[in-house]
C-alpha atoms as a PDB file:
ATOM      1  CA  MET A   1      54.958  41.953   2.408  1.00  0.00           C
ATOM      2  CA  PHE A   2      53.813  40.914   5.883  1.00  0.00           C
ATOM      3  CA  VAL A   3      50.468  42.664   5.401  1.00  0.00           C
ATOM      4  CA  LEU A   4      49.942  40.933   2.036  1.00  0.00           C
ATOM      5  CA  ARG A   5      50.654  37.477   3.453  1.00  0.00           C
ATOM      6  CA  PHE A   6      48.383  38.131   6.452  1.00  0.00           C
ATOM      7  CA  ALA A   7      45.559  39.143   4.141  1.00  0.00           C
ATOM      8  CA  GLU A   8      46.085  36.054   1.970  1.00  0.00           C
ATOM      9  CA  ALA A   9      46.057  33.751   5.010  1.00  0.00           C
ATOM     10  CA  PHE A  10      42.708  35.033   6.243  1.00  0.00           C
ATOM     11  CA  SER A  11      40.970  35.670   2.942  1.00  0.00           C
ATOM     12  CA  PRO A  12      37.878  33.469   2.370  1.00  0.00           C
ATOM     13  CA  THR A  13      38.480  30.341   0.306  1.00  0.00           C
ATOM     14  CA  PRO A  14      36.088  29.317  -2.459  1.00  0.00           C
ATOM     15  CA  THR A  15      33.330  26.980  -1.296  1.00  0.00           C
ATOM     16  CA  ALA A  16      34.026  23.406  -2.402  1.00  0.00           C
ATOM     17  CA  LYS A  17      31.630  22.221  -5.066  1.00  0.00           C
ATOM     18  CA  LEU A  18      29.189  19.625  -3.792  1.00  0.00           C
ATOM     19  CA  THR A  19      29.078  16.203  -5.369  1.00  0.00           C
ATOM     20  CA  ASN A  20      25.674  15.006  -6.516  1.00  0.00           C
ATOM     21  CA  VAL A  21      25.556  12.546  -3.613  1.00  0.00           C
ATOM     22  CA  GLN A  22      26.236  15.342  -1.118  1.00  0.00           C
ATOM     23  CA  ARG A  23      23.641  17.495  -2.854  1.00  0.00           C
ATOM     24  CA  VAL A  24      20.963  14.773  -2.578  1.00  0.00           C
ATOM     25  CA  GLU A  25      21.884  14.089   1.049  1.00  0.00           C
ATOM     26  CA  ALA A  26      21.457  17.801   1.809  1.00  0.00           C
ATOM     27  CA  TRP A  27      18.046  17.802   0.117  1.00  0.00           C
ATOM     28  CA  LEU A  28      16.913  14.735   2.072  1.00  0.00           C
ATOM     29  CA  SER A  29      17.951  16.341   5.352  1.00  0.00           C
ATOM     30  CA  ASP A  30      15.383  19.032   4.609  1.00  0.00           C
ATOM     31  CA  THR A  31      12.364  16.727   4.216  1.00  0.00           C
ATOM     32  CA  GLU A  32      10.327  14.447   6.494  1.00  0.00           C
ATOM     33  CA  ASP A  33       9.801  11.809   3.815  1.00  0.00           C
ATOM     34  CA  ALA A  34      12.860  10.359   2.069  1.00  0.00           C
ATOM     35  CA  THR A  35      10.761   8.839  -0.721  1.00  0.00           C
ATOM     36  CA  MET A  36      10.288  12.313  -2.214  1.00  0.00           C
ATOM     37  CA  LEU A  37      12.389  15.455  -2.584  1.00  0.00           C
ATOM     38  CA  PRO A  38      11.734  18.946  -1.172  1.00  0.00           C
ATOM     39  CA  PRO A  39      10.709  21.801  -3.498  1.00  0.00           C
ATOM     40  CA  ALA A  40      14.210  23.300  -3.544  1.00  0.00           C
ATOM     41  CA  ALA A  41      15.546  20.162  -5.252  1.00  0.00           C
ATOM     42  CA  LEU A  42      13.133  20.164  -8.174  1.00  0.00           C
ATOM     43  CA  ALA A  43      13.543  21.325 -11.728  1.00  0.00           C
ATOM     44  CA  ALA A  44      10.437  23.067 -13.032  1.00  0.00           C
ATOM     45  CA  ASN A  45       9.836  20.255 -15.532  1.00  0.00           C
ATOM     46  CA  ILE A  46      10.607  17.308 -13.229  1.00  0.00           C
ATOM     47  CA  ALA A  47       9.083  13.991 -14.290  1.00  0.00           C
ATOM     48  CA  TYR A  48       8.185  11.398 -11.642  1.00  0.00           C
ATOM     49  CA  ARG A  49       7.238   7.788 -12.367  1.00  0.00           C
ATOM     50  CA  SER A  50       5.723   5.533  -9.715  1.00  0.00           C
ATOM     51  CA  ALA A  51       6.833   1.978  -8.994  1.00  0.00           C
ATOM     52  CA  VAL A  52       3.471   0.744 -10.288  1.00  0.00           C
ATOM     53  CA  PRO A  53       3.714   0.685 -14.086  1.00  0.00           C
ATOM     54  CA  ASP A  54       0.394   2.351 -14.782  1.00  0.00           C
ATOM     55  CA  ALA A  55      -0.066   4.802 -17.617  1.00  0.00           C
ATOM     56  CA  ALA A  56      -1.349   7.404 -15.152  1.00  0.00           C
ATOM     57  CA  ALA A  57       1.432   6.779 -12.617  1.00  0.00           C
ATOM     58  CA  MET A  58       3.278   9.918 -13.649  1.00  0.00           C
ATOM     59  CA  LEU A  59       3.726  13.371 -12.208  1.00  0.00           C
ATOM     60  CA  SER A  60       4.816  16.189 -14.478  1.00  0.00           C
ATOM     61  CA  GLY A  61       6.160  19.480 -13.184  1.00  0.00           C
ATOM     62  CA  SER A  62       7.335  20.692  -9.801  1.00  0.00           C
ATOM     63  CA  ASP A  63       3.901  21.868  -8.651  1.00  0.00           C
ATOM     64  CA  ALA A  64       2.251  18.475  -9.227  1.00  0.00           C
ATOM     65  CA  TYR A  65       5.223  16.718  -7.590  1.00  0.00           C
ATOM     66  CA  THR A  66       5.192  18.956  -4.508  1.00  0.00           C
ATOM     67  CA  GLN A  67       1.434  18.641  -4.022  1.00  0.00           C
ATOM     68  CA  ALA A  68       1.492  14.852  -4.365  1.00  0.00           C
ATOM     69  CA  ALA A  69       4.462  14.502  -1.993  1.00  0.00           C
ATOM     70  CA  ALA A  70       2.719  16.553   0.711  1.00  0.00           C
ATOM     71  CA  ALA A  71      -0.603  14.726   0.281  1.00  0.00           C
ATOM     72  CA  TRP A  72       0.970  11.253   0.316  1.00  0.00           C
ATOM     73  CA  HIS A  73       2.952  11.902   3.474  1.00  0.00           C
ATOM     74  CA  ALA A  74      -0.052  13.404   5.266  1.00  0.00           C
ATOM     75  CA  ASP A  75      -2.257  10.466   4.192  1.00  0.00           C
ATOM     76  CA  CYS A  76       0.348   7.941   5.331  1.00  0.00           C
ATOM     77  CA  ARG A  77       0.486   9.574   8.749  1.00  0.00           C
ATOM     78  CA  ASP A  78      -3.305   9.707   8.899  1.00  0.00           C
ATOM     79  CA  LEU A  79      -4.095   6.194   7.637  1.00  0.00           C
ATOM     80  CA  LEU A  80      -1.049   4.211   8.801  1.00  0.00           C
ATOM     81  CA  GLY A  81      -0.576   6.059  12.080  1.00  0.00           C
ATOM     82  CA  ALA A  82       1.615   8.717  13.631  1.00  0.00           C
ATOM     83  CA  SER A  83       4.455   6.202  13.865  1.00  0.00           C
ATOM     84  CA  PHE A  84       4.873   6.281  10.077  1.00  0.00           C
ATOM     85  CA  CYS A  85       8.304   7.418   8.930  1.00  0.00           C
ATOM     86  CA  ALA A  86      10.223   7.261   5.663  1.00  0.00           C
ATOM     87  CA  ARG A  87      13.996   7.489   5.936  1.00  0.00           C
ATOM     88  CA  ALA A  88      16.940   7.189   3.587  1.00  0.00           C
ATOM     89  CA  VAL A  89      19.036   4.070   4.106  1.00  0.00           C
ATOM     90  CA  ARG A  90      21.733   4.693   1.502  1.00  0.00           C
ATOM     91  CA  VAL A  91      22.604   7.306  -1.103  1.00  0.00           C
ATOM     92  CA  ALA A  92      24.932   6.241  -3.912  1.00  0.00           C
ATOM     93  CA  GLN A  93      26.260   7.586  -7.193  1.00  0.00           C
ATOM     94  CA  LEU A  94      25.186   5.596 -10.277  1.00  0.00           C
ATOM     95  CA  SER A  95      26.665   7.806 -12.981  1.00  0.00           C
ATOM     96  CA  ASP A  96      27.733  11.411 -13.533  1.00  0.00           C
ATOM     97  CA  GLU A  97      24.076  12.505 -13.516  1.00  0.00           C
ATOM     98  CA  GLU A  98      22.258   9.753 -11.595  1.00  0.00           C
ATOM     99  CA  VAL A  99      22.014   9.150  -7.846  1.00  0.00           C
ATOM    100  CA  ALA A 100      20.163   6.268  -6.181  1.00  0.00           C
ATOM    101  CA  VAL A 101      18.397   6.644  -2.835  1.00  0.00           C
ATOM    102  CA  ASN A 102      17.493   3.451  -1.022  1.00  0.00           C
ATOM    103  CA  TRP A 103      14.663   4.241   1.391  1.00  0.00           C
ATOM    104  CA  ARG A 104      12.576   2.493   3.999  1.00  0.00           C
ATOM    105  CA  CYS A 105       9.021   3.262   5.132  1.00  0.00           C
ATOM    106  CA  GLU A 106       7.935   1.755   8.440  1.00  0.00           C
ATOM    107  CA  TRP A 107       5.079   2.021  10.884  1.00  0.00           C
ATOM    108  CA  SER A 108       3.483   0.211  13.791  1.00  0.00           C
ATOM    109  CA  PRO A 109       0.809  -2.221  12.494  1.00  0.00           C
ATOM    110  CA  GLU A 110      -2.678  -1.509  13.761  1.00  0.00           C
ATOM    111  CA  THR A 111      -3.088  -5.160  14.731  1.00  0.00           C
ATOM    112  CA  THR A 112      -0.248  -4.987  17.283  1.00  0.00           C
ATOM    113  CA  GLN A 113      -1.009  -1.598  18.814  1.00  0.00           C
ATOM    114  CA  TRP A 114      -3.073  -3.080  21.645  1.00  0.00           C
ATOM    115  CA  LEU A 115      -0.064  -5.223  22.616  1.00  0.00           C
ATOM    116  CA  GLU A 116       2.108  -2.123  22.579  1.00  0.00           C
ATOM    117  CA  GLY A 117      -0.310  -0.487  25.019  1.00  0.00           C
ATOM    118  CA  VAL A 118      -0.274  -3.516  27.313  1.00  0.00           C
ATOM    119  CA  SER A 119       3.535  -3.644  27.103  1.00  0.00           C
ATOM    120  CA  ARG A 120       3.812  -0.031  28.217  1.00  0.00           C
ATOM    121  CA  ILE A 121       1.499  -0.689  31.151  1.00  0.00           C
ATOM    122  CA  LEU A 122       3.413  -3.820  32.187  1.00  0.00           C
ATOM    123  CA  GLY A 123       6.795  -2.175  31.650  1.00  0.00           C
ATOM    124  CA  TRP A 124       7.840  -4.547  28.867  1.00  0.00           C
ATOM    125  CA  GLN A 125      10.372  -3.389  26.301  1.00  0.00           C
ATOM    126  CA  ILE A 126       9.229  -3.777  22.692  1.00  0.00           C
ATOM    127  CA  GLU A 127      11.708  -5.210  20.180  1.00  0.00           C
ATOM    128  CA  ARG A 128      10.791  -4.831  16.521  1.00  0.00           C
ATOM    129  CA  PHE A 129      11.686  -7.187  13.694  1.00  0.00           C
ATOM    130  CA  ASP A 130      11.055  -7.483   9.960  1.00  0.00           C
ATOM    131  CA  LEU A 131       8.917 -10.297   8.610  1.00  0.00           C
ATOM    132  CA  ASP A 132      10.491 -12.589   6.018  1.00  0.00           C
ATOM    133  CA  PRO A 133       8.685 -11.887   2.721  1.00  0.00           C
ATOM    134  CA  SER A 134       9.470 -15.356   1.372  1.00  0.00           C
ATOM    135  CA  ARG A 135       8.017 -17.195   4.388  1.00  0.00           C
ATOM    136  CA  GLU A 136       4.340 -18.083   4.229  1.00  0.00           C
ATOM    137  CA  SER A 137       2.271 -16.898   7.178  1.00  0.00           C
ATOM    138  CA  VAL A 138       1.240 -19.925   9.253  1.00  0.00           C
ATOM    139  CA  PHE A 139      -0.509 -19.518  12.575  1.00  0.00           C
ATOM    140  CA  SER A 140       0.625 -21.593  15.555  1.00  0.00           C
ATOM    141  CA  TRP A 141      -0.743 -21.586  19.086  1.00  0.00           C
ATOM    142  CA  ALA A 142       2.675 -22.740  20.234  1.00  0.00           C
ATOM    143  CA  ALA A 143       4.203 -19.575  18.774  1.00  0.00           C
ATOM    144  CA  VAL A 144       1.663 -17.446  20.654  1.00  0.00           C
ATOM    145  CA  GLY A 145       2.537 -19.284  23.857  1.00  0.00           C
ATOM    146  CA  ARG A 146       6.261 -18.804  23.296  1.00  0.00           C
ATOM    147  CA  LEU A 147       5.742 -15.126  22.522  1.00  0.00           C
ATOM    148  CA  LEU A 148       3.894 -14.423  25.762  1.00  0.00           C
ATOM    149  CA  SER A 149       5.965 -16.687  28.019  1.00  0.00           C
ATOM    150  CA  THR A 150       9.207 -15.178  26.704  1.00  0.00           C
ATOM    151  CA  ALA A 151       7.831 -11.662  27.200  1.00  0.00           C
ATOM    152  CA  ALA A 152       6.800 -12.474  30.765  1.00  0.00           C
ATOM    153  CA  ALA A 153      10.207 -13.972  31.548  1.00  0.00           C
ATOM    154  CA  THR A 154      12.413 -11.366  29.849  1.00  0.00           C
ATOM    155  CA  ARG A 155      10.130  -8.314  29.962  1.00  0.00           C
ATOM    156  CA  ARG A 156      10.817  -7.950  26.238  1.00  0.00           C
ATOM    157  CA  LEU A 157       8.058  -8.403  23.666  1.00  0.00           C
ATOM    158  CA  ARG A 158       9.062  -9.034  20.054  1.00  0.00           C
ATOM    159  CA  LEU A 159       6.587  -7.563  17.574  1.00  0.00           C
ATOM    160  CA  PRO A 160       6.774  -7.222  13.795  1.00  0.00           C
ATOM    161  CA  ILE A 161       7.160  -3.838  12.192  1.00  0.00           C
ATOM    162  CA  ALA A 162       5.285  -2.994   9.009  1.00  0.00           C
ATOM    163  CA  CYS A 163       7.858  -1.886   6.458  1.00  0.00           C
ATOM    164  CA  VAL A 164       8.249  -1.290   2.743  1.00  0.00           C
ATOM    165  CA  GLU A 165      11.637  -0.726   1.146  1.00  0.00           C
ATOM    166  CA  GLY A 166      12.343   0.804  -2.228  1.00  0.00           C
ATOM    167  CA  ARG A 167      14.661   2.843  -4.387  1.00  0.00           C
ATOM    168  CA  SER A 168      14.522   6.224  -6.098  1.00  0.00           C
ATOM    169  CA  VAL A 169      16.791   6.876  -9.075  1.00  0.00           C
ATOM    170  CA  LEU A 170      17.279  10.630  -9.458  1.00  0.00           C
ATOM    171  CA  ARG A 171      18.747  12.285 -12.528  1.00  0.00           C
ATOM    172  CA  LEU A 172      20.275  15.685 -11.882  1.00  0.00           C
ATOM    173  CA  ALA A 173      21.004  18.346 -14.454  1.00  0.00           C
ATOM    174  CA  ALA A 174      21.384  22.115 -14.669  1.00  0.00           C
ATOM    175  CA  GLU A 175      18.177  23.644 -15.973  1.00  0.00           C
ATOM    176  CA  ASP A 176      20.011  26.119 -18.203  1.00  0.00           C
ATOM    177  CA  GLY A 177      22.432  23.472 -19.422  1.00  0.00           C
ATOM    178  CA  GLY A 178      25.270  25.588 -18.092  1.00  0.00           C
ATOM    179  CA  GLY A 179      26.811  26.509 -14.775  1.00  0.00           C
ATOM    180  CA  SER A 180      23.756  26.681 -12.535  1.00  0.00           C
ATOM    181  CA  GLU A 181      23.297  24.235  -9.673  1.00  0.00           C
ATOM    182  CA  PRO A 182      21.945  20.850 -10.807  1.00  0.00           C
ATOM    183  CA  LEU A 183      18.342  20.028  -9.896  1.00  0.00           C
ATOM    184  CA  CYS A 184      16.353  16.814 -10.128  1.00  0.00           C
ATOM    185  CA  VAL A 185      14.818  16.421 -13.580  1.00  0.00           C
ATOM    186  CA  THR A 186      13.603  12.807 -13.341  1.00  0.00           C
ATOM    187  CA  HIS A 187      12.603  10.656 -10.362  1.00  0.00           C
ATOM    188  CA  THR A 188      11.987   6.962 -11.043  1.00  0.00           C
ATOM    189  CA  GLU A 189      10.756   4.799  -8.190  1.00  0.00           C
ATOM    190  CA  SER A 190      10.916   1.050  -7.569  1.00  0.00           C
ATOM    191  CA  VAL A 191       9.628  -1.029  -4.642  1.00  0.00           C
ATOM    192  CA  ASP A 192      11.326  -4.248  -3.546  1.00  0.00           C
ATOM    193  CA  VAL A 193       8.071  -6.114  -2.890  1.00  0.00           C
ATOM    194  CA  LEU A 194       6.955  -5.654  -6.501  1.00  0.00           C
ATOM    195  CA  ARG A 195      10.112  -7.370  -7.712  1.00  0.00           C
ATOM    196  CA  LEU A 196       9.611 -10.236  -5.265  1.00  0.00           C
ATOM    197  CA  ALA A 197       5.976 -10.595  -6.289  1.00  0.00           C
ATOM    198  CA  ALA A 198       6.840 -10.641  -9.999  1.00  0.00           C
ATOM    199  CA  SER A 199       9.370 -13.445  -9.417  1.00  0.00           C
ATOM    200  CA  GLY A 200       6.979 -15.488  -7.251  1.00  0.00           C
ATOM    201  CA  GLN A 201       9.125 -15.059  -4.126  1.00  0.00           C
ATOM    202  CA  LEU A 202       6.564 -13.054  -2.155  1.00  0.00           C
ATOM    203  CA  ARG A 203       4.728 -15.507   0.138  1.00  0.00           C
ATOM    204  CA  ASN A 204       4.064 -13.596   3.344  1.00  0.00           C
ATOM    205  CA  ARG A 205       0.527 -12.238   3.657  1.00  0.00           C
ATOM    206  CA  ARG A 206       1.400  -9.419   6.061  1.00  0.00           C
ATOM    207  CA  VAL A 207       4.329  -8.161   3.979  1.00  0.00           C
ATOM    208  CA  ALA A 208       2.119  -8.149   0.889  1.00  0.00           C
ATOM    209  CA  THR A 209      -0.809  -6.360   2.512  1.00  0.00           C
ATOM    210  CA  ASP A 210       1.475  -3.741   4.108  1.00  0.00           C
ATOM    211  CA  ALA A 211       3.027  -2.959   0.735  1.00  0.00           C
ATOM    212  CA  ALA A 212      -0.382  -2.825  -0.941  1.00  0.00           C
ATOM    213  CA  SER A 213      -1.622  -0.406   1.735  1.00  0.00           C
ATOM    214  CA  LEU A 214       1.280   1.974   1.127  1.00  0.00           C
ATOM    215  CA  LEU A 215       0.954   1.823  -2.654  1.00  0.00           C
ATOM    216  CA  ASP A 216      -2.798   2.397  -2.433  1.00  0.00           C
ATOM    217  CA  ILE A 217      -2.136   5.607  -0.522  1.00  0.00           C
ATOM    218  CA  ARG A 218       0.520   6.748  -2.999  1.00  0.00           C
ATOM    219  CA  ARG A 219      -1.897   6.851  -5.924  1.00  0.00           C
ATOM    220  CA  PRO A 220      -1.020   9.594  -8.414  1.00  0.00           C
ATOM    221  CA  PRO A 221      -3.863  12.132  -8.781  1.00  0.00           C
ATOM    222  CA  ALA A 222      -4.416  11.265 -12.455  1.00  0.00           C
ATOM    223  CA  ALA A 223      -4.945   7.559 -11.744  1.00  0.00           C
ATOM    224  CA  ASP A 224      -8.500   6.242 -11.434  1.00  0.00           C
ATOM    225  CA  PRO A 225      -8.953   4.962  -7.841  1.00  0.00           C
ATOM    226  CA  ASP A 226     -10.591   1.659  -8.820  1.00  0.00           C
ATOM    227  CA  ALA A 227      -8.160   0.967 -11.642  1.00  0.00           C
ATOM    228  CA  TRP A 228      -5.205   1.806  -9.380  1.00  0.00           C
ATOM    229  CA  ALA A 229      -6.461  -0.486  -6.596  1.00  0.00           C
ATOM    230  CA  ALA A 230      -6.938  -3.317  -9.104  1.00  0.00           C
ATOM    231  CA  GLU A 231      -3.444  -2.770 -10.516  1.00  0.00           C
ATOM    232  CA  VAL A 232      -1.839  -2.784  -7.061  1.00  0.00           C
ATOM    233  CA  SER A 233      -3.774  -5.899  -6.077  1.00  0.00           C
ATOM    234  CA  SER A 234      -2.800  -7.785  -9.227  1.00  0.00           C
ATOM    235  CA  ARG A 235       0.880  -6.913  -8.858  1.00  0.00           C
ATOM    236  CA  VAL A 236       1.260  -7.340  -5.090  1.00  0.00           C
ATOM    237  CA  LEU A 237      -1.453  -9.586  -3.661  1.00  0.00           C
ATOM    238  CA  ALA A 238      -2.210 -12.013  -6.478  1.00  0.00           C
ATOM    239  CA  GLY A 239      -0.738 -15.434  -5.741  1.00  0.00           C
ATOM    240  CA  VAL A 240       0.214 -14.677  -2.127  1.00  0.00           C
ATOM    241  CA  PRO A 241      -1.393 -17.249   0.228  1.00  0.00           C
ATOM    242  CA  GLY A 242      -3.992 -15.765   2.558  1.00  0.00           C
ATOM    243  CA  THR A 243      -4.587 -12.499   0.693  1.00  0.00           C
ATOM    244  CA  GLY A 244      -7.852 -13.492  -0.985  1.00  0.00           C
ATOM    245  CA  PRO A 245     -11.085 -12.098   0.497  1.00  0.00           C
ATOM    246  CA  LEU A 246     -12.193 -15.541   1.682  1.00  0.00           C
ATOM    247  CA  ASP A 247      -8.772 -16.929   2.570  1.00  0.00           C
ATOM    248  CA  ILE A 248      -8.007 -18.122   6.090  1.00  0.00           C
ATOM    249  CA  GLU A 249      -4.410 -18.304   7.215  1.00  0.00           C
ATOM    250  CA  PRO A 250      -3.265 -21.946   7.493  1.00  0.00           C
ATOM    251  CA  MET A 251      -2.418 -23.426  10.878  1.00  0.00           C
ATOM    252  CA  ALA A 252       0.812 -25.217  11.624  1.00  0.00           C
ATOM    253  CA  ASP A 253       0.523 -28.981  11.957  1.00  0.00           C
ATOM    254  CA  ASP A 254       1.603 -29.084  15.588  1.00  0.00           C
ATOM    255  CA  ALA A 255      -1.383 -30.669  17.318  1.00  0.00           C
ATOM    256  CA  GLU A 256       0.604 -31.921  20.283  1.00  0.00           C
ATOM    257  CA  SER A 257       2.178 -28.562  21.100  1.00  0.00           C
ATOM    258  CA  ARG A 258      -1.099 -26.815  20.377  1.00  0.00           C
ATOM    259  CA  ASN A 259      -2.972 -28.999  22.819  1.00  0.00           C
ATOM    260  CA  ALA A 260      -0.288 -28.493  25.437  1.00  0.00           C
ATOM    261  CA  LEU A 261      -0.251 -24.724  25.065  1.00  0.00           C
ATOM    262  CA  LEU A 262      -3.827 -24.042  24.065  1.00  0.00           C
ATOM    263  CA  GLY A 263      -4.948 -23.428  27.619  1.00  0.00           C
ATOM    264  CA  PHE A 264      -2.018 -21.164  28.307  1.00  0.00           C
ATOM    265  CA  GLY A 265      -2.543 -19.274  25.071  1.00  0.00           C
ATOM    266  CA  LEU A 266      -6.239 -18.733  25.670  1.00  0.00           C
ATOM    267  CA  ALA A 267      -5.674 -17.724  29.271  1.00  0.00           C
ATOM    268  CA  SER A 268      -2.945 -15.288  28.279  1.00  0.00           C
ATOM    269  CA  ILE A 269      -5.058 -13.759  25.547  1.00  0.00           C
ATOM    270  CA  ALA A 270      -8.027 -13.502  27.910  1.00  0.00           C
ATOM    271  CA  LEU A 271      -5.824 -11.843  30.536  1.00  0.00           C
ATOM    272  CA  LEU A 272      -4.508  -9.362  28.011  1.00  0.00           C
ATOM    273  CA  GLY A 273      -8.027  -8.805  26.738  1.00  0.00           C
ATOM    274  CA  VAL A 274      -9.190  -7.987  30.256  1.00  0.00           C
ATOM    275  CA  SER A 275      -6.251  -5.637  30.668  1.00  0.00           C
ATOM    276  CA  VAL A 276      -7.051  -3.905  27.415  1.00  0.00           C
ATOM    277  CA  ALA A 277     -10.777  -3.662  28.182  1.00  0.00           C
ATOM    278  CA  TRP A 278     -10.062  -2.346  31.679  1.00  0.00           C
ATOM    279  CA  LEU A 279      -7.286   0.010  30.610  1.00  0.00           C
ATOM    280  CA  GLY A 280      -8.694   0.940  27.215  1.00  0.00           C
ATOM    281  CA  GLY A 281      -8.346   4.622  27.925  1.00  0.00           C
ATOM    282  CA  ASP A 282      -4.589   4.171  28.313  1.00  0.00           C
ATOM    283  CA  THR A 283      -4.046   1.763  25.457  1.00  0.00           C
ATOM    284  CA  GLY A 284      -6.361   3.282  22.877  1.00  0.00           C
ATOM    285  CA  VAL A 285      -7.490  -0.147  21.660  1.00  0.00           C
ATOM    286  CA  VAL A 286     -10.692  -2.090  21.545  1.00  0.00           C
ATOM    287  CA  GLY A 287     -10.336  -4.845  24.124  1.00  0.00           C
ATOM    288  CA  PHE A 288     -12.971  -7.589  23.844  1.00  0.00           C
ATOM    289  CA  ASP A 289     -14.387  -6.117  20.641  1.00  0.00           C
ATOM    290  CA  ALA A 290     -11.263  -7.185  18.736  1.00  0.00           C
ATOM    291  CA  CYS A 291     -12.581 -10.666  17.958  1.00  0.00           C
ATOM    292  CA  ASP A 292     -16.350 -10.278  18.307  1.00  0.00           C
ATOM    293  CA  ASP A 293     -17.128 -12.284  15.178  1.00  0.00           C
ATOM    294  CA  VAL A 294     -15.329 -15.429  16.317  1.00  0.00           C
ATOM    295  CA  VAL A 295     -18.261 -16.908  18.241  1.00  0.00           C
ATOM    296  CA  ALA A 296     -19.782 -18.344  15.091  1.00  0.00           C
ATOM    297  CA  SER A 297     -16.509 -19.376  13.483  1.00  0.00           C
ATOM    298  CA  PRO A 298     -13.492 -21.012  15.176  1.00  0.00           C
ATOM    299  CA  SER A 299     -11.431 -20.463  12.024  1.00  0.00           C
ATOM    300  CA  ALA A 300     -12.229 -16.749  12.152  1.00  0.00           C
ATOM    301  CA  TYR A 301     -11.078 -16.693  15.772  1.00  0.00           C
ATOM    302  CA  THR A 302      -7.737 -18.222  14.767  1.00  0.00           C
ATOM    303  CA  GLN A 303      -7.359 -15.665  11.974  1.00  0.00           C
ATOM    304  CA  CYS A 304      -8.213 -12.819  14.333  1.00  0.00           C
ATOM    305  CA  VAL A 305      -5.651 -13.861  16.934  1.00  0.00           C
ATOM    306  CA  SER A 306      -3.085 -14.372  14.191  1.00  0.00           C
ATOM    307  CA  ASP A 307      -3.660 -10.807  13.029  1.00  0.00           C
ATOM    308  CA  LEU A 308      -3.458  -9.417  16.557  1.00  0.00           C
ATOM    309  CA  PHE A 309      -0.117 -11.126  17.119  1.00  0.00           C
ATOM    310  CA  GLY A 310       1.307 -10.097  13.758  1.00  0.00           C
END
């Protein structure tokens, strides 16, 4: 009797069955990019639909899905920079078969990278923040002055992060319809910025252009490049102030503060420009070349500085 009870106490217990949420979380832990699933999660006949409602925005089969996922992530790292990352924010059960993954892609904007280099040299800590998509981009010299004076006083420089948030709805089912482990059979994607744009709430130029850049990269192989670019532009950029090819970002109507801080702003920018030009090898940025075309156009100079400061 004692031997039997001892054997029962130390016999292996059956492994608890994973919930679909736990299963998806385990899959995501095995991939660098939370917008897509790893090969082990895919049913052979998986169907993927992009957030852009284009007839060609579809991937059919695990091979096409895996190839597109690898290419998109590599292109994002190549074109948006090594800082690009895509992480899961929340995983939630929608129904017995459906799981939603809220994800976030973020990267360091190219226009602020020279400031990051200067901050590292000066020992300033960089604090990142999200831009408000509903707030129209308006350039202000006073804001530039406050940015630099606060950084000098606190040794903390606040810079915007480029980010795009979205959601993947995954439907899981056993391929044999029986007792095998469920795999992902459909993957339907949505992007928050597209919803804001469709409702007229997207007003920020930088938020719109960041989202358009990511969606341009994530073009399904079957989609025509020109048609895809036109579709992304019409759904993301159309109607957003400052996104037209000839648009110039408006300036805030703060003449008094601009006059008071104009000298400080120009001096600070010139100082940083000298630092960047002198230390270009350390910062990896272009120094004085950043705003070469402003000599003939004051408005272009304002736009250039606005871009550099996010």
